[in-house]
Amino acid sequence: MTLEEKIISSIHELPETKKAEVLDFVEFLRSKTEEREWSALSLSSAMRGIAEEAAPYSLSDLKESST
């Protein structure tokens, strides 16, 4: 019996309230995975090409002046 089959068999034996809890947990696990994927995707998208960009300021622009 595969893991998936064991899980399904175990769920069939649970009362409806527990099945609802299992569903909530599965949806929670899915959302965690999706968040991680989106987070990695958005970071990589934000950083794409940044090394090739020209700097908007020169070093002299960034130096503090005290007047």
Protein backbone atom coordinates (compact mmCIF):
# COMPACT_ATOMS: atom_id res chain seq x y z
CA MET A 1 0.00 0.00 0.00
CA THR A 2 1.42 3.39 -0.98
CA LEU A 3 1.59 6.32 1.39
CA GLU A 4 -1.22 8.04 -0.48
CA GLU A 5 -3.41 4.95 -0.14
CA LYS A 6 -2.67 4.74 3.60
CA ILE A 7 -3.61 8.40 4.05
CA ILE A 8 -6.85 7.98 2.10
CA SER A 9 -7.73 4.81 4.00
CA SER A 10 -7.11 6.54 7.33
CA ILE A 11 -9.21 9.53 6.32
CA HIS A 12 -12.15 7.29 5.38
CA GLU A 13 -12.26 6.04 8.97
CA LEU A 14 -12.44 9.52 10.51
CA PRO A 15 -15.64 11.32 11.52
CA GLU A 16 -16.62 14.30 9.34
CA THR A 17 -15.31 16.88 11.84
CA LYS A 18 -11.85 15.30 11.76
CA LYS A 19 -11.95 15.10 7.97
CA ALA A 20 -12.57 18.85 7.93
CA GLU A 21 -9.49 19.33 10.15
CA VAL A 22 -7.41 17.20 7.80
CA LEU A 23 -8.57 19.31 4.86
CA ASP A 24 -7.67 22.51 6.73
CA PHE A 25 -4.21 21.13 7.43
CA VAL A 26 -3.67 20.08 3.82
CA GLU A 27 -4.68 23.56 2.63
CA PHE A 28 -2.29 25.09 5.18
CA LEU A 29 0.57 22.94 3.89
CA ARG A 30 -0.24 23.93 0.31
CA SER A 31 -0.29 27.62 1.16
CA LYS A 32 3.11 27.37 2.88
CA THR A 33 4.59 25.76 -0.22
CA GLU A 34 3.02 28.34 -2.53
CA GLU A 35 4.24 31.23 -0.35
CA ARG A 36 7.79 29.86 -0.46
CA GLU A 37 7.62 29.46 -4.24
CA TRP A 38 6.25 32.99 -4.73
CA SER A 39 8.80 34.44 -2.34
CA ALA A 40 11.70 32.84 -4.21
CA LEU A 41 10.19 33.83 -7.53
CA SER A 42 9.65 37.46 -6.58
CA LEU A 43 13.16 37.78 -5.12
CA SER A 44 14.75 36.30 -8.20
CA SER A 45 12.59 38.52 -10.41
CA ALA A 46 13.54 41.61 -8.43
CA MET A 47 17.25 40.81 -8.59
CA ARG A 48 17.29 39.80 -12.27
CA GLY A 49 19.63 42.02 -14.25
CA ILE A 50 20.61 44.18 -11.29
CA ALA A 51 24.35 43.50 -11.79
CA GLU A 52 24.19 44.83 -15.34
CA GLU A 53 22.40 48.06 -14.43
CA ALA A 54 24.29 51.33 -14.40
CA ALA A 55 24.51 52.85 -10.94
CA PRO A 56 22.14 55.83 -10.62
CA TYR A 57 24.62 57.67 -8.35
CA SER A 58 28.37 58.14 -8.44
CA LEU A 59 30.63 57.74 -5.40
CA SER A 60 30.90 61.52 -5.10
CA ASP A 61 27.09 61.74 -4.94
CA LEU A 62 27.11 59.38 -1.98
CA LYS A 63 29.83 61.10 0.08
CA GLU A 64 28.66 63.19 2.99
CA SER A 65 29.48 66.81 2.97
CA SER A 66 29.59 68.87 6.11
CA THR A 67 28.80 72.48 5.54
